[in-house]
């Protein structure tokens, strides 16, 4: 009787979730603004997107405990999302929250408002929106006003245009070329420091 030996099956290593694509305003006292920055999620699935966002924000702003959204652009809103060893409660409010904004509350009762850039947006439009939401130039605009201004200046967002192969790869979690700055705590506690992440 002969035995046939097969090579061992390859071990599957867990794949780390991609870093959040995020730009935050610095708190230098010169811009009160309506937004504290911008977030460009890779999908409209809050359950899979929120953990990578809170991974970046928890060390900067304190543990994020609650998130509120407008349900217009989110097909499913989970009530609780497990993130980094704790639970984040998620709520939705239709008239009170701009459809293109995410409201975050931290353990210390601090509040931040982020522009939510539609996941299908092309890299150039997303870069302009991130710069506008995290910059100190011009008058403060609401999240929807920033999206509308981008559409009026540069035509429709890439969500309505076919993506080239590089943009398709990036929107599915590939490399993001807007910036690769390393997050650092540079602002006093309770307010964000400058951060652009998303490799």
N, C-alpha and C. Protein backbone atom coordinates (compact mmCIF):
# COMPACT_ATOMS: atom_id res chain seq x y z
N UNK A 1 0.84 -1.17 0.00
CA UNK A 1 0.00 0.00 0.00
C UNK A 1 0.89 1.24 0.00
N UNK A 2 0.60 2.18 -0.88
CA UNK A 2 1.40 3.39 -0.95
C UNK A 2 0.60 4.58 -0.43
N UNK A 3 1.31 5.51 0.12
CA UNK A 3 0.68 6.72 0.66
C UNK A 3 1.01 7.89 -0.25
N UNK A 4 0.04 8.74 -0.48
CA UNK A 4 0.27 9.95 -1.26
C UNK A 4 0.31 11.13 -0.32
N UNK A 5 1.39 11.85 -0.38
CA UNK A 5 1.53 13.03 0.48
C UNK A 5 1.23 14.30 -0.33
N UNK A 6 0.40 15.13 0.24
CA UNK A 6 0.07 16.40 -0.40
C UNK A 6 0.74 17.52 0.38
N UNK A 7 1.16 18.56 -0.31
CA UNK A 7 1.75 19.69 0.42
C UNK A 7 0.70 20.33 1.32
N UNK A 8 1.14 20.89 2.45
CA UNK A 8 0.17 21.52 3.36
C UNK A 8 -0.53 22.69 2.66
N UNK A 9 -1.77 22.91 3.02
CA UNK A 9 -2.51 24.03 2.47
C UNK A 9 -1.93 25.33 3.01
N UNK A 10 -1.93 26.37 2.18
CA UNK A 10 -1.40 27.65 2.68
C UNK A 10 -2.27 28.18 3.79
N UNK A 11 -1.61 28.80 4.77
CA UNK A 11 -2.36 29.42 5.86
C UNK A 11 -2.86 30.77 5.40
N UNK A 12 -4.10 31.06 5.74
CA UNK A 12 -4.67 32.36 5.39
C UNK A 12 -4.44 33.33 6.54
N UNK A 13 -3.71 34.37 6.23
CA UNK A 13 -3.45 35.41 7.22
C UNK A 13 -4.62 36.39 7.22
N UNK A 14 -5.03 36.87 8.38
CA UNK A 14 -6.11 37.87 8.38
C UNK A 14 -5.65 39.13 7.68
N UNK A 15 -6.55 39.72 6.94
CA UNK A 15 -6.23 40.93 6.20
C UNK A 15 -6.68 42.13 7.03
N UNK A 16 -5.77 43.04 7.26
CA UNK A 16 -6.10 44.24 8.04
C UNK A 16 -7.00 45.15 7.22
N UNK A 17 -7.93 45.77 7.89
CA UNK A 17 -8.81 46.72 7.21
C UNK A 17 -7.99 47.92 6.77
N UNK A 18 -8.31 48.49 5.61
CA UNK A 18 -7.57 49.67 5.16
C UNK A 18 -7.80 50.85 6.10
N UNK A 19 -6.82 51.72 6.18
CA UNK A 19 -6.93 52.90 7.05
C UNK A 19 -8.02 53.82 6.55
N UNK A 20 -8.61 54.57 7.46
CA UNK A 20 -9.65 55.52 7.10
C UNK A 20 -9.06 56.64 6.25
N UNK A 21 -9.81 57.05 5.24
CA UNK A 21 -9.41 58.19 4.41
C UNK A 21 -10.06 59.42 5.06
N UNK A 22 -9.21 60.25 5.64
CA UNK A 22 -9.69 61.26 6.56
C UNK A 22 -8.80 62.49 6.51
N UNK A 23 -9.40 63.67 6.62
CA UNK A 23 -8.65 64.93 6.75
C UNK A 23 -9.32 65.73 7.86
N UNK A 24 -8.54 66.18 8.83
CA UNK A 24 -9.08 66.91 9.98
C UNK A 24 -8.52 68.31 10.05
N UNK A 25 -9.34 69.22 10.51
CA UNK A 25 -8.96 70.62 10.66
C UNK A 25 -8.09 70.76 11.91
N UNK A 26 -7.07 71.60 11.82
CA UNK A 26 -6.27 71.90 13.01
C UNK A 26 -7.00 72.95 13.83
N UNK A 27 -6.80 72.92 15.12
CA UNK A 27 -7.46 73.88 15.99
C UNK A 27 -6.44 74.96 16.36
N UNK A 28 -6.32 75.94 15.47
CA UNK A 28 -5.39 77.03 15.78
C UNK A 28 -6.13 78.30 16.15
N UNK A 29 -7.45 78.19 16.36
CA UNK A 29 -8.23 79.33 16.80
C UNK A 29 -8.61 80.31 15.70
N UNK A 30 -8.22 80.05 14.44
CA UNK A 30 -8.51 81.01 13.37
C UNK A 30 -9.77 80.69 12.59
N UNK A 31 -10.34 79.50 12.76
CA UNK A 31 -11.48 79.14 11.96
C UNK A 31 -12.53 78.41 12.78
N UNK A 32 -13.64 79.10 13.12
CA UNK A 32 -14.66 78.40 13.87
C UNK A 32 -15.30 77.30 13.04
N UNK A 33 -15.60 77.56 11.77
CA UNK A 33 -16.10 76.57 10.82
C UNK A 33 -17.31 75.77 11.27
N UNK A 34 -17.97 75.15 10.31
CA UNK A 34 -19.11 74.29 10.58
C UNK A 34 -18.71 72.82 10.59
N UNK A 35 -17.53 72.52 10.06
CA UNK A 35 -17.06 71.14 9.97
C UNK A 35 -15.68 71.03 10.59
N UNK A 36 -15.39 69.86 11.12
CA UNK A 36 -14.08 69.60 11.71
C UNK A 36 -13.18 68.80 10.79
N UNK A 37 -13.67 68.49 9.59
CA UNK A 37 -12.88 67.73 8.64
C UNK A 37 -13.77 66.95 7.71
N UNK A 38 -13.16 65.97 7.01
CA UNK A 38 -13.88 65.17 6.03
C UNK A 38 -13.47 63.72 6.12
N UNK A 39 -14.41 62.84 5.81
CA UNK A 39 -14.19 61.39 5.80
C UNK A 39 -14.69 60.86 4.47
N UNK A 40 -13.87 60.02 3.82
CA UNK A 40 -14.22 59.43 2.52
C UNK A 40 -14.30 57.92 2.71
N UNK A 41 -15.47 57.40 3.10
CA UNK A 41 -15.59 55.95 3.31
C UNK A 41 -15.48 55.20 1.99
N UNK A 42 -15.15 53.92 2.06
CA UNK A 42 -15.01 53.09 0.87
C UNK A 42 -16.33 52.46 0.43
N UNK A 43 -17.34 52.49 1.31
CA UNK A 43 -18.65 51.93 0.97
C UNK A 43 -19.71 52.63 1.80
N UNK A 44 -20.95 52.22 1.61
CA UNK A 44 -22.06 52.77 2.40
C UNK A 44 -22.48 51.78 3.50
N UNK A 45 -21.56 50.94 3.92
CA UNK A 45 -21.81 49.94 4.95
C UNK A 45 -21.20 50.44 6.27
N UNK A 46 -22.02 51.05 7.12
CA UNK A 46 -21.51 51.62 8.37
C UNK A 46 -20.88 50.57 9.26
N UNK A 47 -21.42 49.36 9.27
CA UNK A 47 -20.88 48.31 10.12
C UNK A 47 -19.43 48.00 9.78
N UNK A 48 -19.07 48.05 8.51
CA UNK A 48 -17.68 47.77 8.14
C UNK A 48 -16.82 49.03 8.10
N UNK A 49 -17.40 50.19 7.91
CA UNK A 49 -16.63 51.43 7.78
C UNK A 49 -16.27 52.09 9.11
N UNK A 50 -17.17 52.03 10.08
CA UNK A 50 -16.93 52.77 11.34
C UNK A 50 -15.74 52.28 12.15
N UNK A 51 -15.42 50.97 12.18
CA UNK A 51 -14.26 50.56 12.98
C UNK A 51 -12.95 51.23 12.55
N UNK A 52 -12.69 51.35 11.24
CA UNK A 52 -11.44 51.98 10.82
C UNK A 52 -11.44 53.48 11.13
N UNK A 53 -12.61 54.11 11.07
CA UNK A 53 -12.70 55.53 11.42
C UNK A 53 -12.41 55.75 12.90
N UNK A 54 -13.03 54.95 13.76
CA UNK A 54 -12.81 55.14 15.20
C UNK A 54 -11.40 54.72 15.62
N UNK A 55 -10.78 53.79 14.89
CA UNK A 55 -9.39 53.42 15.18
C UNK A 55 -8.47 54.64 15.09
N UNK A 56 -8.75 55.51 14.12
CA UNK A 56 -7.93 56.71 13.96
C UNK A 56 -8.34 57.79 14.96
N UNK A 57 -9.64 57.96 15.18
CA UNK A 57 -10.11 59.08 16.00
C UNK A 57 -10.01 58.86 17.50
N UNK A 58 -10.16 57.62 17.98
CA UNK A 58 -10.10 57.37 19.42
C UNK A 58 -8.83 57.93 20.07
N UNK A 59 -7.63 57.68 19.52
CA UNK A 59 -6.43 58.22 20.18
C UNK A 59 -6.34 59.75 20.10
N UNK A 60 -6.96 60.35 19.09
CA UNK A 60 -6.89 61.81 18.92
C UNK A 60 -7.93 62.55 19.74
N UNK A 61 -9.15 62.05 19.74
CA UNK A 61 -10.27 62.78 20.32
C UNK A 61 -10.83 62.15 21.58
N UNK A 62 -10.30 61.04 22.01
CA UNK A 62 -10.91 60.31 23.12
C UNK A 62 -11.87 59.28 22.55
N UNK A 63 -12.20 58.30 23.32
CA UNK A 63 -13.03 57.20 22.85
C UNK A 63 -14.36 57.70 22.27
N UNK A 64 -14.60 57.38 21.00
CA UNK A 64 -15.87 57.73 20.36
C UNK A 64 -16.94 56.79 20.90
N UNK A 65 -18.02 57.36 21.43
CA UNK A 65 -19.07 56.55 22.04
C UNK A 65 -20.38 56.56 21.25
N UNK A 66 -20.63 57.64 20.53
CA UNK A 66 -21.88 57.75 19.77
C UNK A 66 -21.60 58.41 18.42
N UNK A 67 -22.35 57.94 17.42
CA UNK A 67 -22.29 58.51 16.09
C UNK A 67 -23.71 58.70 15.61
N UNK A 68 -23.98 59.84 14.97
CA UNK A 68 -25.31 60.08 14.41
C UNK A 68 -25.17 60.44 12.93
N UNK A 69 -26.10 59.93 12.14
CA UNK A 69 -26.10 60.16 10.70
C UNK A 69 -27.52 60.50 10.25
N UNK A 70 -27.60 61.03 9.05
CA UNK A 70 -28.87 61.17 8.36
C UNK A 70 -29.00 59.92 7.50
N UNK A 71 -30.13 59.21 7.53
CA UNK A 71 -30.24 57.94 6.81
C UNK A 71 -30.34 58.05 5.30
N UNK A 72 -30.34 59.25 4.74
CA UNK A 72 -30.51 59.44 3.31
C UNK A 72 -29.53 58.61 2.48
N UNK A 73 -28.25 58.57 2.88
CA UNK A 73 -27.23 57.90 2.08
C UNK A 73 -26.72 56.60 2.70
N UNK A 74 -27.35 56.14 3.77
CA UNK A 74 -26.92 54.90 4.42
C UNK A 74 -28.07 53.89 4.37
N UNK A 75 -27.95 52.83 3.56
CA UNK A 75 -29.05 51.88 3.42
C UNK A 75 -29.40 51.13 4.70
N UNK A 76 -28.40 50.83 5.52
CA UNK A 76 -28.62 50.13 6.79
C UNK A 76 -27.87 50.89 7.88
N UNK A 77 -28.57 51.16 8.97
CA UNK A 77 -27.93 51.85 10.10
C UNK A 77 -28.00 50.92 11.31
N UNK A 78 -26.85 50.31 11.66
CA UNK A 78 -26.84 49.43 12.83
C UNK A 78 -26.98 50.26 14.10
N UNK A 79 -27.61 49.70 15.11
CA UNK A 79 -27.78 50.44 16.36
C UNK A 79 -26.50 50.46 17.18
N UNK A 80 -25.72 49.39 17.06
CA UNK A 80 -24.45 49.29 17.80
C UNK A 80 -23.39 48.71 16.87
N UNK A 81 -22.17 49.24 16.98
CA UNK A 81 -21.05 48.75 16.17
C UNK A 81 -19.89 48.44 17.11
N UNK A 82 -19.42 47.18 17.11
CA UNK A 82 -18.25 46.86 17.93
C UNK A 82 -16.98 47.42 17.27
N UNK A 83 -16.24 48.20 18.03
CA UNK A 83 -15.00 48.79 17.51
C UNK A 83 -13.93 48.76 18.60
N UNK A 84 -12.77 48.23 18.29
CA UNK A 84 -11.61 48.29 19.18
C UNK A 84 -11.88 48.02 20.64
N UNK A 85 -12.62 47.00 20.98
CA UNK A 85 -12.83 46.64 22.37
C UNK A 85 -13.97 47.35 23.06
N UNK A 86 -14.72 48.17 22.35
CA UNK A 86 -15.90 48.80 22.93
C UNK A 86 -17.01 48.89 21.89
N UNK A 87 -18.15 49.37 22.31
CA UNK A 87 -19.31 49.48 21.43
C UNK A 87 -19.60 50.96 21.17
N UNK A 88 -19.85 51.29 19.90
CA UNK A 88 -20.26 52.64 19.53
C UNK A 88 -21.75 52.57 19.19
N UNK A 89 -22.53 53.42 19.82
CA UNK A 89 -23.96 53.48 19.53
C UNK A 89 -24.19 54.41 18.34
N UNK A 90 -25.03 53.97 17.43
CA UNK A 90 -25.30 54.73 16.20
C UNK A 90 -26.77 55.12 16.18
N UNK A 91 -27.03 56.37 15.90
CA UNK A 91 -28.40 56.85 15.78
C UNK A 91 -28.58 57.61 14.49
N UNK A 92 -29.81 57.87 14.14
CA UNK A 92 -30.07 58.64 12.93
C UNK A 92 -31.14 59.68 13.19
N UNK A 93 -30.98 60.81 12.51
CA UNK A 93 -31.89 61.93 12.64
C UNK A 93 -32.06 62.55 11.27
N UNK A 94 -33.29 62.62 10.79
CA UNK A 94 -33.51 63.11 9.43
C UNK A 94 -33.43 64.63 9.32
N UNK A 95 -34.24 65.40 10.03
CA UNK A 95 -34.17 66.85 9.79
C UNK A 95 -32.99 67.53 10.46
N UNK A 96 -32.47 66.96 11.55
CA UNK A 96 -31.46 67.65 12.34
C UNK A 96 -30.04 67.54 11.77
N UNK A 97 -29.77 66.49 11.00
CA UNK A 97 -28.40 66.26 10.51
C UNK A 97 -28.37 66.36 8.99
N UNK A 98 -27.41 67.12 8.50
CA UNK A 98 -27.17 67.25 7.06
C UNK A 98 -26.94 65.86 6.47
N UNK A 99 -27.52 65.55 5.31
CA UNK A 99 -27.34 64.22 4.72
C UNK A 99 -25.88 63.86 4.40
N UNK A 100 -25.02 64.87 4.27
CA UNK A 100 -23.61 64.63 3.95
C UNK A 100 -22.70 64.83 5.15
N UNK A 101 -23.26 64.66 6.35
CA UNK A 101 -22.47 64.89 7.56
C UNK A 101 -22.57 63.71 8.51
N UNK A 102 -21.51 63.51 9.27
CA UNK A 102 -21.46 62.51 10.33
C UNK A 102 -21.15 63.25 11.62
N UNK A 103 -21.94 63.02 12.66
CA UNK A 103 -21.74 63.67 13.95
C UNK A 103 -21.15 62.64 14.90
N UNK A 104 -20.05 62.98 15.57
CA UNK A 104 -19.39 62.07 16.49
C UNK A 104 -19.34 62.67 17.88
N UNK A 105 -19.59 61.84 18.88
CA UNK A 105 -19.47 62.26 20.27
C UNK A 105 -18.46 61.37 20.96
N UNK A 106 -17.59 61.97 21.77
CA UNK A 106 -16.58 61.19 22.47
C UNK A 106 -16.96 61.02 23.93
N UNK A 107 -16.19 60.20 24.61
CA UNK A 107 -16.42 59.88 26.01
C UNK A 107 -16.50 61.13 26.87
N UNK A 108 -15.71 62.13 26.56
CA UNK A 108 -15.71 63.36 27.34
C UNK A 108 -16.78 64.35 26.90
N UNK A 109 -17.76 63.91 26.16
CA UNK A 109 -18.88 64.74 25.68
C UNK A 109 -18.44 65.80 24.68
N UNK A 110 -17.33 65.60 24.01
CA UNK A 110 -16.95 66.51 22.94
C UNK A 110 -17.66 66.09 21.67
N UNK A 111 -17.86 67.05 20.75
CA UNK A 111 -18.61 66.80 19.52
C UNK A 111 -17.78 67.25 18.32
N UNK A 112 -17.84 66.44 17.25
CA UNK A 112 -17.19 66.78 15.99
C UNK A 112 -18.13 66.48 14.85
N UNK A 113 -18.02 67.28 13.79
CA UNK A 113 -18.84 67.12 12.60
C UNK A 113 -17.92 66.90 11.41
N UNK A 114 -18.13 65.80 10.69
CA UNK A 114 -17.32 65.50 9.52
C UNK A 114 -18.16 65.49 8.25
N UNK A 115 -17.64 66.09 7.19
CA UNK A 115 -18.22 65.94 5.87
C UNK A 115 -18.05 64.48 5.46
N UNK A 116 -19.10 63.85 4.95
CA UNK A 116 -18.98 62.49 4.42
C UNK A 116 -18.97 62.60 2.91
N UNK A 117 -17.82 62.29 2.32
CA UNK A 117 -17.67 62.32 0.87
C UNK A 117 -18.24 61.01 0.32
N UNK A 118 -19.13 61.05 -0.65
CA UNK A 118 -19.70 59.80 -1.18
C UNK A 118 -18.60 58.83 -1.60
N UNK A 119 -18.74 57.54 -1.27
CA UNK A 119 -17.69 56.56 -1.57
C UNK A 119 -17.32 56.49 -3.05
N UNK A 120 -18.26 56.77 -3.92
CA UNK A 120 -18.03 56.65 -5.37
C UNK A 120 -17.30 57.84 -5.95
N UNK A 121 -17.04 58.85 -5.16
CA UNK A 121 -16.39 60.07 -5.64
C UNK A 121 -14.98 59.76 -6.14
N UNK A 122 -14.61 60.40 -7.24
CA UNK A 122 -13.26 60.24 -7.79
C UNK A 122 -12.21 60.87 -6.88
N UNK A 123 -10.97 60.46 -7.06
CA UNK A 123 -9.88 60.90 -6.18
C UNK A 123 -9.66 62.41 -6.23
N UNK A 124 -9.77 63.02 -7.41
CA UNK A 124 -9.53 64.47 -7.51
C UNK A 124 -10.62 65.25 -6.78
N UNK A 125 -11.87 64.87 -6.98
CA UNK A 125 -12.97 65.54 -6.28
C UNK A 125 -12.86 65.34 -4.78
N UNK A 126 -12.52 64.11 -4.36
CA UNK A 126 -12.38 63.82 -2.93
C UNK A 126 -11.27 64.67 -2.32
N UNK A 127 -10.17 64.82 -3.03
CA UNK A 127 -9.06 65.63 -2.51
C UNK A 127 -9.49 67.09 -2.33
N UNK A 128 -10.23 67.62 -3.30
CA UNK A 128 -10.70 69.01 -3.18
C UNK A 128 -11.67 69.15 -2.01
N UNK A 129 -12.58 68.20 -1.86
CA UNK A 129 -13.54 68.26 -0.76
C UNK A 129 -12.86 68.12 0.60
N UNK A 130 -11.86 67.25 0.69
CA UNK A 130 -11.12 67.10 1.95
C UNK A 130 -10.39 68.39 2.30
N UNK A 131 -9.78 69.00 1.30
CA UNK A 131 -9.06 70.26 1.54
C UNK A 131 -10.04 71.36 1.97
N UNK A 132 -11.20 71.42 1.33
CA UNK A 132 -12.18 72.46 1.68
C UNK A 132 -12.72 72.26 3.09
N UNK A 133 -13.00 71.02 3.47
CA UNK A 133 -13.59 70.75 4.79
C UNK A 133 -12.58 70.90 5.92
N UNK A 134 -11.30 70.70 5.63
CA UNK A 134 -10.29 70.76 6.69
C UNK A 134 -9.46 72.04 6.64
N UNK A 135 -9.68 72.87 5.63
CA UNK A 135 -8.91 74.10 5.49
C UNK A 135 -9.52 75.26 6.23
N UNK A 136 -8.84 76.39 6.17
CA UNK A 136 -9.28 77.60 6.88
C UNK A 136 -9.62 78.71 5.90
N UNK A 137 -9.65 78.39 4.60
CA UNK A 137 -9.92 79.42 3.59
C UNK A 137 -11.41 79.54 3.32
N UNK A 138 -11.85 80.73 3.05
CA UNK A 138 -13.23 80.94 2.62
C UNK A 138 -14.23 80.88 3.76
N UNK A 139 -15.48 81.16 3.43
CA UNK A 139 -16.52 81.17 4.45
C UNK A 139 -16.87 79.74 4.87
N UNK A 140 -17.31 79.57 6.12
CA UNK A 140 -17.71 78.24 6.55
C UNK A 140 -18.98 77.79 5.81
N UNK A 141 -18.95 76.57 5.29
CA UNK A 141 -20.09 76.03 4.55
C UNK A 141 -20.57 74.75 5.21
N UNK A 142 -21.85 74.45 5.01
CA UNK A 142 -22.39 73.17 5.48
C UNK A 142 -21.84 72.05 4.61
N UNK A 143 -22.02 70.82 5.05
CA UNK A 143 -21.55 69.67 4.29
C UNK A 143 -22.21 69.62 2.92
N UNK A 144 -23.53 69.79 2.86
CA UNK A 144 -24.24 69.75 1.57
C UNK A 144 -23.81 70.90 0.67
N UNK A 145 -23.53 72.07 1.26
CA UNK A 145 -23.08 73.21 0.45
C UNK A 145 -21.71 72.93 -0.17
N UNK A 146 -20.82 72.26 0.55
CA UNK A 146 -19.51 71.90 -0.02
C UNK A 146 -19.68 70.92 -1.19
N UNK A 147 -20.53 69.92 -1.02
CA UNK A 147 -20.78 68.95 -2.10
C UNK A 147 -21.37 69.68 -3.31
N UNK A 148 -22.35 70.57 -3.08
CA UNK A 148 -22.98 71.31 -4.17
C UNK A 148 -21.96 72.22 -4.87
N UNK A 149 -21.07 72.86 -4.11
CA UNK A 149 -20.06 73.74 -4.70
C UNK A 149 -19.10 72.93 -5.58
N UNK A 150 -18.71 71.75 -5.11
CA UNK A 150 -17.83 70.88 -5.92
C UNK A 150 -18.52 70.48 -7.22
N UNK A 151 -19.79 70.13 -7.13
CA UNK A 151 -20.53 69.73 -8.33
C UNK A 151 -20.70 70.90 -9.30
N UNK A 152 -20.94 72.11 -8.78
CA UNK A 152 -21.15 73.25 -9.68
C UNK A 152 -19.84 73.71 -10.33
N UNK A 153 -18.73 73.63 -9.62
CA UNK A 153 -17.44 74.07 -10.17
C UNK A 153 -16.83 73.05 -11.13
N UNK A 154 -16.98 71.78 -10.83
CA UNK A 154 -16.26 70.75 -11.58
C UNK A 154 -17.19 69.73 -12.23
N UNK A 155 -18.47 70.05 -12.36
CA UNK A 155 -19.41 69.10 -12.96
C UNK A 155 -19.83 68.07 -11.92
N UNK A 156 -20.43 67.00 -12.40
CA UNK A 156 -20.93 65.98 -11.49
C UNK A 156 -19.78 65.28 -10.79
N UNK A 157 -20.03 64.79 -9.59
CA UNK A 157 -19.03 63.99 -8.89
C UNK A 157 -18.80 62.70 -9.66
N UNK A 158 -17.67 62.09 -9.44
CA UNK A 158 -17.32 60.89 -10.18
C UNK A 158 -18.30 59.76 -9.98
N UNK A 159 -19.19 59.88 -8.99
CA UNK A 159 -20.18 58.84 -8.75
C UNK A 159 -21.05 58.62 -9.97
N UNK A 160 -21.22 59.65 -10.78
CA UNK A 160 -22.06 59.55 -11.96
C UNK A 160 -21.25 59.40 -13.24
N UNK A 161 -19.93 59.28 -13.11
CA UNK A 161 -19.08 59.12 -14.27
C UNK A 161 -18.37 57.78 -14.16
N UNK A 162 -18.05 57.14 -15.31
CA UNK A 162 -17.30 55.89 -15.22
C UNK A 162 -15.91 56.12 -14.65
N UNK A 163 -15.47 55.21 -13.78
CA UNK A 163 -14.15 55.32 -13.18
C UNK A 163 -13.10 54.71 -14.10
N UNK A 164 -11.90 55.34 -14.11
CA UNK A 164 -10.82 54.68 -14.83
C UNK A 164 -10.29 53.55 -13.94
N UNK A 165 -9.48 52.63 -14.46
CA UNK A 165 -9.05 51.47 -13.67
C UNK A 165 -8.35 51.83 -12.36
N UNK A 166 -7.54 52.91 -12.34
CA UNK A 166 -6.85 53.29 -11.10
C UNK A 166 -7.84 53.76 -10.05
N UNK A 167 -8.84 54.56 -10.46
CA UNK A 167 -9.84 55.03 -9.50
C UNK A 167 -10.69 53.88 -8.99
N UNK A 168 -11.01 52.92 -9.86
CA UNK A 168 -11.78 51.76 -9.43
C UNK A 168 -11.01 51.00 -8.38
N UNK A 169 -9.71 50.81 -8.59
CA UNK A 169 -8.88 50.09 -7.64
C UNK A 169 -8.85 50.83 -6.31
N UNK A 170 -8.70 52.18 -6.36
CA UNK A 170 -8.66 52.97 -5.14
C UNK A 170 -9.98 52.92 -4.39
N UNK A 171 -11.11 52.96 -5.11
CA UNK A 171 -12.40 52.94 -4.43
C UNK A 171 -12.71 51.58 -3.82
N UNK A 172 -11.98 50.55 -4.25
CA UNK A 172 -12.18 49.22 -3.68
C UNK A 172 -11.16 48.92 -2.59
N UNK A 173 -10.41 49.92 -2.14
CA UNK A 173 -9.48 49.72 -1.04
C UNK A 173 -8.02 49.73 -1.44
N UNK A 174 -7.73 50.09 -2.69
CA UNK A 174 -6.34 50.16 -3.14
C UNK A 174 -5.68 51.42 -2.62
N UNK A 175 -4.53 51.75 -3.17
CA UNK A 175 -3.76 52.90 -2.70
C UNK A 175 -4.54 54.18 -2.88
N UNK A 176 -4.35 55.10 -1.98
CA UNK A 176 -4.98 56.41 -2.03
C UNK A 176 -3.87 57.43 -2.05
N UNK A 177 -3.85 58.30 -3.05
CA UNK A 177 -2.68 59.13 -3.25
C UNK A 177 -2.82 60.58 -2.81
N UNK A 178 -3.91 60.94 -2.14
CA UNK A 178 -4.06 62.34 -1.75
C UNK A 178 -2.99 62.75 -0.76
N UNK A 179 -2.75 61.95 0.26
CA UNK A 179 -1.72 62.26 1.24
C UNK A 179 -1.48 61.04 2.11
N UNK A 180 -0.30 60.99 2.69
CA UNK A 180 0.02 59.87 3.57
C UNK A 180 0.64 60.34 4.87
N UNK A 181 0.20 61.48 5.37
CA UNK A 181 0.75 62.00 6.62
C UNK A 181 0.43 61.06 7.78
N UNK A 182 1.36 60.99 8.71
CA UNK A 182 1.18 60.14 9.89
C UNK A 182 0.39 60.91 10.93
N UNK A 183 -0.67 60.27 11.51
CA UNK A 183 -1.46 60.98 12.52
C UNK A 183 -0.61 61.35 13.73
N UNK A 184 -0.75 62.59 14.21
CA UNK A 184 -0.04 63.02 15.40
C UNK A 184 -0.96 63.89 16.23
N UNK A 185 -0.85 63.78 17.53
CA UNK A 185 -1.63 64.62 18.44
C UNK A 185 -0.87 65.93 18.58
N UNK A 186 -1.37 66.99 17.94
CA UNK A 186 -0.68 68.28 18.02
C UNK A 186 -1.55 69.35 18.65
N UNK A 187 -2.82 69.06 18.81
CA UNK A 187 -3.73 70.08 19.35
C UNK A 187 -4.01 69.78 20.81
N UNK A 188 -4.49 70.75 21.53
CA UNK A 188 -4.88 70.50 22.91
C UNK A 188 -6.01 69.49 22.98
N UNK A 189 -6.14 68.77 24.11
CA UNK A 189 -7.22 67.79 24.23
C UNK A 189 -8.57 68.44 23.97
N UNK A 190 -9.44 67.69 23.31
CA UNK A 190 -10.78 68.17 23.05
C UNK A 190 -10.96 68.73 21.66
N UNK A 191 -9.87 68.99 20.93
CA UNK A 191 -9.97 69.46 19.56
C UNK A 191 -9.00 68.68 18.70
N UNK A 192 -9.31 68.49 17.43
CA UNK A 192 -8.47 67.68 16.56
C UNK A 192 -7.20 68.37 16.14
N UNK A 193 -6.19 67.57 15.81
CA UNK A 193 -4.99 68.06 15.17
C UNK A 193 -5.09 67.76 13.69
N UNK A 194 -4.16 68.24 12.87
CA UNK A 194 -4.19 68.01 11.43
C UNK A 194 -3.89 66.54 11.15
N UNK A 195 -4.70 65.93 10.33
CA UNK A 195 -4.52 64.52 10.00
C UNK A 195 -5.06 64.25 8.63
N UNK A 196 -4.27 63.64 7.82
CA UNK A 196 -4.77 63.11 6.56
C UNK A 196 -4.23 61.71 6.47
N UNK A 197 -5.12 60.75 6.38
CA UNK A 197 -4.71 59.35 6.37
C UNK A 197 -5.41 58.63 5.26
N UNK A 198 -4.87 57.51 4.84
CA UNK A 198 -5.60 56.74 3.85
C UNK A 198 -4.74 56.01 2.86
N UNK A 199 -3.77 55.27 3.31
CA UNK A 199 -2.99 54.50 2.37
C UNK A 199 -3.66 53.19 2.11
